[in-house]
Amino acid sequence: MKSAYELAMERLAKTEPPPAGPLNAGQKARLAEIDRTYQGRLAEREIFLKQRLDQALAAQQPEEAVKIRQQLASEKSRLEEEREEEKERVRKRA
């Protein structure tokens, strides 16, 4: 008798596409390039927003500081999402 977990995993396996084959050297290089590109973009945004945050804190503007922190979190999340989407497109071309 199978557990509910085993049954759920079987159903999930049926709905998922088959895994792609192993990545070739070109795909691996492209994935590494995507990582470097997005790390650079993220670092750029962090530096810019942290400078603005420091200015807001120095000017004793706590509301502005909160907005900047939220923007930083949003930017990080958006860039991570974009990076993963781009990497997934590369992986699907296998």
C-alpha atoms as a PDB file:
ATOM      1  CA  MET A   1       0.000   0.000   0.000  1.00  0.00           C
ATOM      2  CA  LYS A   2       1.408   3.384  -1.044  1.00  0.00           C
ATOM      3  CA  SER A   3       1.392   6.397   1.204  1.00  0.00           C
ATOM      4  CA  ALA A   4      -0.290   9.647   0.216  1.00  0.00           C
ATOM      5  CA  TYR A   5       3.156  11.136  -0.303  1.00  0.00           C
ATOM      6  CA  GLU A   6       4.151   8.407  -2.781  1.00  0.00           C
ATOM      7  CA  LEU A   7       0.892   8.824  -4.702  1.00  0.00           C
ATOM      8  CA  ALA A   8       1.344  12.590  -4.851  1.00  0.00           C
ATOM      9  CA  MET A   9       4.912  12.181  -6.096  1.00  0.00           C
ATOM     10  CA  GLU A  10       3.736   9.814  -8.847  1.00  0.00           C
ATOM     11  CA  ARG A  11       1.102  12.320  -9.980  1.00  0.00           C
ATOM     12  CA  LEU A  12       3.650  15.095  -9.935  1.00  0.00           C
ATOM     13  CA  ALA A  13       6.076  13.045 -12.033  1.00  0.00           C
ATOM     14  CA  LYS A  14       3.350  12.547 -14.641  1.00  0.00           C
ATOM     15  CA  THR A  15       2.651  16.285 -14.945  1.00  0.00           C
ATOM     16  CA  GLU A  16       6.277  17.458 -15.085  1.00  0.00           C
ATOM     17  CA  PRO A  17       8.123  17.493 -18.399  1.00  0.00           C
ATOM     18  CA  PRO A  18      10.946  14.983 -18.685  1.00  0.00           C
ATOM     19  CA  PRO A  19      14.277  16.320 -17.472  1.00  0.00           C
ATOM     20  CA  ALA A  20      16.527  17.776 -20.129  1.00  0.00           C
ATOM     21  CA  GLY A  21      19.709  15.990 -21.037  1.00  0.00           C
ATOM     22  CA  PRO A  22      23.091  16.991 -19.681  1.00  0.00           C
ATOM     23  CA  LEU A  23      24.268  20.493 -20.467  1.00  0.00           C
ATOM     24  CA  ASN A  24      26.905  20.995 -23.118  1.00  0.00           C
ATOM     25  CA  ALA A  25      29.952  23.244 -22.686  1.00  0.00           C
ATOM     26  CA  GLY A  26      28.290  26.161 -24.487  1.00  0.00           C
ATOM     27  CA  GLN A  27      25.273  26.036 -22.200  1.00  0.00           C
ATOM     28  CA  LYS A  28      27.447  25.855 -19.103  1.00  0.00           C
ATOM     29  CA  ALA A  29      29.420  28.871 -20.307  1.00  0.00           C
ATOM     30  CA  ARG A  30      26.200  30.780 -21.015  1.00  0.00           C
ATOM     31  CA  LEU A  31      24.850  29.961 -17.534  1.00  0.00           C
ATOM     32  CA  ALA A  32      28.076  31.221 -15.966  1.00  0.00           C
ATOM     33  CA  GLU A  33      27.873  34.385 -18.080  1.00  0.00           C
ATOM     34  CA  ILE A  34      24.278  34.965 -16.954  1.00  0.00           C
ATOM     35  CA  ASP A  35      25.340  34.599 -13.318  1.00  0.00           C
ATOM     36  CA  ARG A  36      28.176  37.099 -13.758  1.00  0.00           C
ATOM     37  CA  THR A  37      25.937  39.581 -15.560  1.00  0.00           C
ATOM     38  CA  TYR A  38      23.224  39.485 -12.933  1.00  0.00           C
ATOM     39  CA  GLN A  39      25.722  39.612 -10.059  1.00  0.00           C
ATOM     40  CA  GLY A  40      27.070  42.794 -11.609  1.00  0.00           C
ATOM     41  CA  ARG A  41      23.615  44.303 -12.052  1.00  0.00           C
ATOM     42  CA  LEU A  42      22.704  43.436  -8.481  1.00  0.00           C
ATOM     43  CA  ALA A  43      25.932  44.915  -7.114  1.00  0.00           C
ATOM     44  CA  GLU A  44      25.349  48.087  -9.113  1.00  0.00           C
ATOM     45  CA  ARG A  45      21.822  48.526  -7.735  1.00  0.00           C
ATOM     46  CA  GLU A  46      22.949  47.719  -4.180  1.00  0.00           C
ATOM     47  CA  ILE A  47      25.712  50.321  -4.297  1.00  0.00           C
ATOM     48  CA  PHE A  48      23.391  52.983  -5.680  1.00  0.00           C
ATOM     49  CA  LEU A  49      20.559  52.278  -3.254  1.00  0.00           C
ATOM     50  CA  LYS A  50      22.837  51.922  -0.239  1.00  0.00           C
ATOM     51  CA  GLN A  51      24.288  55.364  -1.013  1.00  0.00           C
ATOM     52  CA  ARG A  52      20.756  56.776  -1.091  1.00  0.00           C
ATOM     53  CA  LEU A  53      19.963  54.912   2.127  1.00  0.00           C
ATOM     54  CA  ASP A  54      23.014  56.379   3.852  1.00  0.00           C
ATOM     55  CA  GLN A  55      21.982  59.860   2.690  1.00  0.00           C
ATOM     56  CA  ALA A  56      18.429  59.385   3.964  1.00  0.00           C
ATOM     57  CA  LEU A  57      19.687  58.135   7.319  1.00  0.00           C
ATOM     58  CA  ALA A  58      22.165  61.017   7.603  1.00  0.00           C
ATOM     59  CA  ALA A  59      19.344  63.466   6.862  1.00  0.00           C
ATOM     60  CA  GLN A  60      17.223  61.695   9.475  1.00  0.00           C
ATOM     61  CA  GLN A  61      14.487  60.707   7.024  1.00  0.00           C
ATOM     62  CA  PRO A  62      13.291  57.345   8.353  1.00  0.00           C
ATOM     63  CA  GLU A  63      10.304  57.142   5.970  1.00  0.00           C
ATOM     64  CA  GLU A  64      12.609  57.553   2.976  1.00  0.00           C
ATOM     65  CA  ALA A  65      14.991  54.955   4.419  1.00  0.00           C
ATOM     66  CA  VAL A  66      12.144  52.442   4.692  1.00  0.00           C
ATOM     67  CA  LYS A  67      11.155  53.089   1.058  1.00  0.00           C
ATOM     68  CA  ILE A  68      14.736  52.608  -0.096  1.00  0.00           C
ATOM     69  CA  ARG A  69      15.062  49.338   1.831  1.00  0.00           C
ATOM     70  CA  GLN A  70      11.829  48.105   0.242  1.00  0.00           C
ATOM     71  CA  GLN A  71      13.083  49.134  -3.184  1.00  0.00           C
ATOM     72  CA  LEU A  72      16.353  47.291  -2.589  1.00  0.00           C
ATOM     73  CA  ALA A  73      14.492  44.113  -1.616  1.00  0.00           C
ATOM     74  CA  SER A  74      12.222  44.470  -4.644  1.00  0.00           C
ATOM     75  CA  GLU A  75      15.149  45.001  -7.003  1.00  0.00           C
ATOM     76  CA  LYS A  76      16.961  41.950  -5.619  1.00  0.00           C
ATOM     77  CA  SER A  77      13.889  39.808  -6.045  1.00  0.00           C
ATOM     78  CA  ARG A  78      13.215  41.056  -9.584  1.00  0.00           C
ATOM     79  CA  LEU A  79      16.803  40.504 -10.711  1.00  0.00           C
ATOM     80  CA  GLU A  80      16.883  37.001  -9.193  1.00  0.00           C
ATOM     81  CA  GLU A  81      13.660  36.157 -11.020  1.00  0.00           C
ATOM     82  CA  GLU A  82      14.987  37.478 -14.319  1.00  0.00           C
ATOM     83  CA  ARG A  83      18.227  35.542 -13.884  1.00  0.00           C
ATOM     84  CA  GLU A  84      16.423  32.279 -13.174  1.00  0.00           C
ATOM     85  CA  GLU A  85      14.083  32.765 -16.152  1.00  0.00           C
ATOM     86  CA  GLU A  86      17.014  33.387 -18.463  1.00  0.00           C
ATOM     87  CA  LYS A  87      18.908  30.379 -17.113  1.00  0.00           C
ATOM     88  CA  GLU A  88      15.820  28.200 -17.553  1.00  0.00           C
ATOM     89  CA  ARG A  89      15.572  29.248 -21.215  1.00  0.00           C
ATOM     90  CA  VAL A  90      19.187  28.165 -21.708  1.00  0.00           C
ATOM     91  CA  ARG A  91      18.561  24.827 -19.990  1.00  0.00           C
ATOM     92  CA  LYS A  92      15.483  24.117 -22.135  1.00  0.00           C
ATOM     93  CA  ARG A  93      17.529  24.480 -25.310  1.00  0.00           C
ATOM     94  CA  ALA A  94      19.325  21.244 -24.449  1.00  0.00           C
END
